């Protein structure tokens, strides 16, 4: 089991920046993929960005050029620097750790509790 603890959410004006952090503990040796997802009421959880141990990084088109994902393997942490935030970025953001790299989270993936990001106009 992997435990994930997120921090860094909050309220920010449009155009502002926030940095999310997620620290993993527990059975972390098998983690290959660390990612950030987000979800708004009535919508499915969507991938924001992910980073693999092999260095591959993917971004959703909606955040490409504005968000930067990074990973610290010594601290077992993943970060999401969010710049030029827009009201449509408002969501609960979830950290994800997965022992598999695939098109969608595997059944063995672990999730954080979520952190709210609200972007005002």
C-alpha atoms as a PDB file:
ATOM      1  CA  UNK A   1       0.000   0.000   0.000  1.00  0.00           C
ATOM      2  CA  UNK A   2       1.131   3.506  -0.820  1.00  0.00           C
ATOM      3  CA  UNK A   3      -0.052   6.501   1.159  1.00  0.00           C
ATOM      4  CA  UNK A   4      -0.182   9.874  -0.579  1.00  0.00           C
ATOM      5  CA  UNK A   5      -0.540  13.210   1.176  1.00  0.00           C
ATOM      6  CA  UNK A   6      -1.230  16.319  -0.886  1.00  0.00           C
ATOM      7  CA  UNK A   7      -0.827  19.957   0.062  1.00  0.00           C
ATOM      8  CA  UNK A   8      -0.750  23.361  -1.562  1.00  0.00           C
ATOM      9  CA  UNK A   9      -4.292  23.913  -2.755  1.00  0.00           C
ATOM     10  CA  UNK A  10      -6.202  27.099  -2.108  1.00  0.00           C
ATOM     11  CA  UNK A  11      -7.877  30.159  -3.579  1.00  0.00           C
ATOM     12  CA  UNK A  12      -6.106  32.254  -6.174  1.00  0.00           C
ATOM     13  CA  UNK A  13      -7.091  34.920  -8.669  1.00  0.00           C
ATOM     14  CA  UNK A  14      -7.026  34.231 -12.379  1.00  0.00           C
ATOM     15  CA  UNK A  15      -3.511  34.642 -13.720  1.00  0.00           C
ATOM     16  CA  UNK A  16      -1.967  33.624 -10.435  1.00  0.00           C
ATOM     17  CA  UNK A  17       0.097  30.587  -9.484  1.00  0.00           C
ATOM     18  CA  UNK A  18      -0.057  27.700  -7.039  1.00  0.00           C
ATOM     19  CA  UNK A  19       2.223  24.768  -6.364  1.00  0.00           C
ATOM     20  CA  UNK A  20       0.830  21.422  -5.288  1.00  0.00           C
ATOM     21  CA  UNK A  21       2.932  18.877  -3.444  1.00  0.00           C
ATOM     22  CA  UNK A  22       2.398  15.184  -2.855  1.00  0.00           C
ATOM     23  CA  UNK A  23       4.545  12.972  -0.663  1.00  0.00           C
ATOM     24  CA  UNK A  24       4.401   9.198  -0.911  1.00  0.00           C
ATOM     25  CA  UNK A  25       5.090   6.716   1.860  1.00  0.00           C
ATOM     26  CA  UNK A  26       4.688   3.001   2.357  1.00  0.00           C
ATOM     27  CA  UNK A  27       5.421   0.500  -0.398  1.00  0.00           C
ATOM     28  CA  UNK A  28       6.931   3.005  -2.802  1.00  0.00           C
ATOM     29  CA  UNK A  29       9.588   0.874  -4.451  1.00  0.00           C
ATOM     30  CA  UNK A  30       7.232  -0.258  -7.211  1.00  0.00           C
ATOM     31  CA  UNK A  31       5.969   3.181  -8.181  1.00  0.00           C
ATOM     32  CA  UNK A  32       6.584   3.917 -11.842  1.00  0.00           C
ATOM     33  CA  UNK A  33       4.064   6.612 -12.623  1.00  0.00           C
ATOM     34  CA  UNK A  34       3.199   9.622 -10.489  1.00  0.00           C
ATOM     35  CA  UNK A  35       0.494  11.904 -11.698  1.00  0.00           C
ATOM     36  CA  UNK A  36      -2.015  14.622 -10.925  1.00  0.00           C
ATOM     37  CA  UNK A  37      -5.671  14.285 -11.797  1.00  0.00           C
ATOM     38  CA  UNK A  38      -8.519  16.697 -11.211  1.00  0.00           C
ATOM     39  CA  UNK A  39     -12.254  16.424 -10.869  1.00  0.00           C
ATOM     40  CA  UNK A  40     -15.198  18.810 -10.815  1.00  0.00           C
ATOM     41  CA  UNK A  41     -18.745  17.922  -9.708  1.00  0.00           C
ATOM     42  CA  UNK A  42     -20.584  15.837 -12.259  1.00  0.00           C
ATOM     43  CA  UNK A  43     -17.511  15.160 -14.358  1.00  0.00           C
ATOM     44  CA  UNK A  44     -15.090  12.282 -14.560  1.00  0.00           C
ATOM     45  CA  UNK A  45     -11.657  12.532 -13.045  1.00  0.00           C
ATOM     46  CA  UNK A  46      -9.223  13.676 -15.728  1.00  0.00           C
ATOM     47  CA  UNK A  47      -5.477  13.450 -16.096  1.00  0.00           C
ATOM     48  CA  UNK A  48      -3.652  16.749 -15.678  1.00  0.00           C
ATOM     49  CA  UNK A  49      -0.035  15.608 -15.874  1.00  0.00           C
ATOM     50  CA  UNK A  50       2.034  12.526 -15.224  1.00  0.00           C
ATOM     51  CA  UNK A  51       5.714  11.701 -14.928  1.00  0.00           C
ATOM     52  CA  UNK A  52       7.380   8.318 -15.096  1.00  0.00           C
ATOM     53  CA  UNK A  53      10.588   7.072 -13.565  1.00  0.00           C
ATOM     54  CA  UNK A  54      11.883   6.786 -17.125  1.00  0.00           C
ATOM     55  CA  UNK A  55      11.508  10.559 -17.479  1.00  0.00           C
ATOM     56  CA  UNK A  56       8.535  10.627 -19.808  1.00  0.00           C
ATOM     57  CA  UNK A  57       6.099  13.451 -19.068  1.00  0.00           C
ATOM     58  CA  UNK A  58       2.587  13.927 -20.398  1.00  0.00           C
ATOM     59  CA  UNK A  59       0.295  16.938 -20.024  1.00  0.00           C
ATOM     60  CA  UNK A  60      -3.342  17.458 -20.783  1.00  0.00           C
ATOM     61  CA  UNK A  61      -3.732  19.853 -23.702  1.00  0.00           C
ATOM     62  CA  UNK A  62      -5.640  22.262 -21.476  1.00  0.00           C
ATOM     63  CA  UNK A  63      -2.654  22.801 -19.162  1.00  0.00           C
ATOM     64  CA  UNK A  64       0.293  22.369 -21.510  1.00  0.00           C
ATOM     65  CA  UNK A  65       2.531  25.425 -21.363  1.00  0.00           C
ATOM     66  CA  UNK A  66       1.071  26.571 -18.042  1.00  0.00           C
ATOM     67  CA  UNK A  67       1.640  23.674 -15.645  1.00  0.00           C
ATOM     68  CA  UNK A  68       4.897  21.908 -14.851  1.00  0.00           C
ATOM     69  CA  UNK A  69       5.125  18.514 -13.163  1.00  0.00           C
ATOM     70  CA  UNK A  70       8.305  17.462 -11.398  1.00  0.00           C
ATOM     71  CA  UNK A  71       9.413  14.606  -9.236  1.00  0.00           C
ATOM     72  CA  UNK A  72      11.916  14.170  -6.400  1.00  0.00           C
ATOM     73  CA  UNK A  73      12.752  10.493  -6.062  1.00  0.00           C
ATOM     74  CA  UNK A  74      14.813  11.107  -2.924  1.00  0.00           C
ATOM     75  CA  UNK A  75      11.880  12.726  -1.130  1.00  0.00           C
ATOM     76  CA  UNK A  76       9.352  10.420  -2.817  1.00  0.00           C
ATOM     77  CA  UNK A  77       7.434  13.477  -3.879  1.00  0.00           C
ATOM     78  CA  UNK A  78       5.743  14.864  -6.953  1.00  0.00           C
ATOM     79  CA  UNK A  79       4.925  18.509  -7.534  1.00  0.00           C
ATOM     80  CA  UNK A  80       2.648  20.457  -9.823  1.00  0.00           C
ATOM     81  CA  UNK A  81       3.553  24.077 -10.490  1.00  0.00           C
ATOM     82  CA  UNK A  82       0.457  25.774 -11.871  1.00  0.00           C
ATOM     83  CA  UNK A  83       0.928  29.119 -13.586  1.00  0.00           C
ATOM     84  CA  UNK A  84      -1.460  31.490 -15.339  1.00  0.00           C
ATOM     85  CA  UNK A  85      -4.373  29.796 -13.643  1.00  0.00           C
ATOM     86  CA  UNK A  86      -7.818  30.104 -15.168  1.00  0.00           C
ATOM     87  CA  UNK A  87     -11.273  29.752 -13.590  1.00  0.00           C
ATOM     88  CA  UNK A  88     -11.729  26.511 -15.534  1.00  0.00           C
ATOM     89  CA  UNK A  89      -8.798  25.047 -13.583  1.00  0.00           C
ATOM     90  CA  UNK A  90     -11.005  25.070 -10.490  1.00  0.00           C
ATOM     91  CA  UNK A  91     -11.276  21.481  -9.268  1.00  0.00           C
ATOM     92  CA  UNK A  92     -10.227  19.009  -6.627  1.00  0.00           C
ATOM     93  CA  UNK A  93      -6.738  17.840  -7.528  1.00  0.00           C
ATOM     94  CA  UNK A  94      -5.684  14.293  -6.707  1.00  0.00           C
ATOM     95  CA  UNK A  95      -2.225  12.816  -6.525  1.00  0.00           C
ATOM     96  CA  UNK A  96      -1.828   9.370  -8.067  1.00  0.00           C
ATOM     97  CA  UNK A  97       0.921   6.763  -7.810  1.00  0.00           C
ATOM     98  CA  UNK A  98       0.861   3.724 -10.052  1.00  0.00           C
ATOM     99  CA  UNK A  99       3.133   0.715 -10.505  1.00  0.00           C
ATOM    100  CA  UNK A 100       2.084   0.681 -14.157  1.00  0.00           C
ATOM    101  CA  UNK A 101       2.458   3.109 -17.035  1.00  0.00           C
ATOM    102  CA  UNK A 102      -0.621   2.914 -19.197  1.00  0.00           C
ATOM    103  CA  UNK A 103      -3.397   4.947 -20.831  1.00  0.00           C
ATOM    104  CA  UNK A 104      -5.403   5.006 -17.604  1.00  0.00           C
ATOM    105  CA  UNK A 105      -4.820   4.322 -13.901  1.00  0.00           C
ATOM    106  CA  UNK A 106      -4.432   0.671 -13.051  1.00  0.00           C
ATOM    107  CA  UNK A 107      -6.368  -1.176 -10.367  1.00  0.00           C
ATOM    108  CA  UNK A 108      -3.214  -1.074  -8.265  1.00  0.00           C
ATOM    109  CA  UNK A 109      -2.938   2.720  -8.311  1.00  0.00           C
ATOM    110  CA  UNK A 110      -3.051   4.704  -5.083  1.00  0.00           C
ATOM    111  CA  UNK A 111      -4.787   8.046  -4.609  1.00  0.00           C
ATOM    112  CA  UNK A 112      -4.420  10.975  -2.280  1.00  0.00           C
ATOM    113  CA  UNK A 113      -7.342  12.547  -0.462  1.00  0.00           C
ATOM    114  CA  UNK A 114      -7.524  15.508  -2.843  1.00  0.00           C
ATOM    115  CA  UNK A 115      -6.847  19.206  -2.446  1.00  0.00           C
ATOM    116  CA  UNK A 116      -9.182  21.958  -3.591  1.00  0.00           C
ATOM    117  CA  UNK A 117      -7.956  24.554  -6.074  1.00  0.00           C
ATOM    118  CA  UNK A 118     -10.262  27.491  -6.697  1.00  0.00           C
ATOM    119  CA  UNK A 119      -9.478  30.160  -9.270  1.00  0.00           C
ATOM    120  CA  UNK A 120     -11.542  33.328  -9.069  1.00  0.00           C
ATOM    121  CA  UNK A 121     -12.184  35.814 -11.855  1.00  0.00           C
END
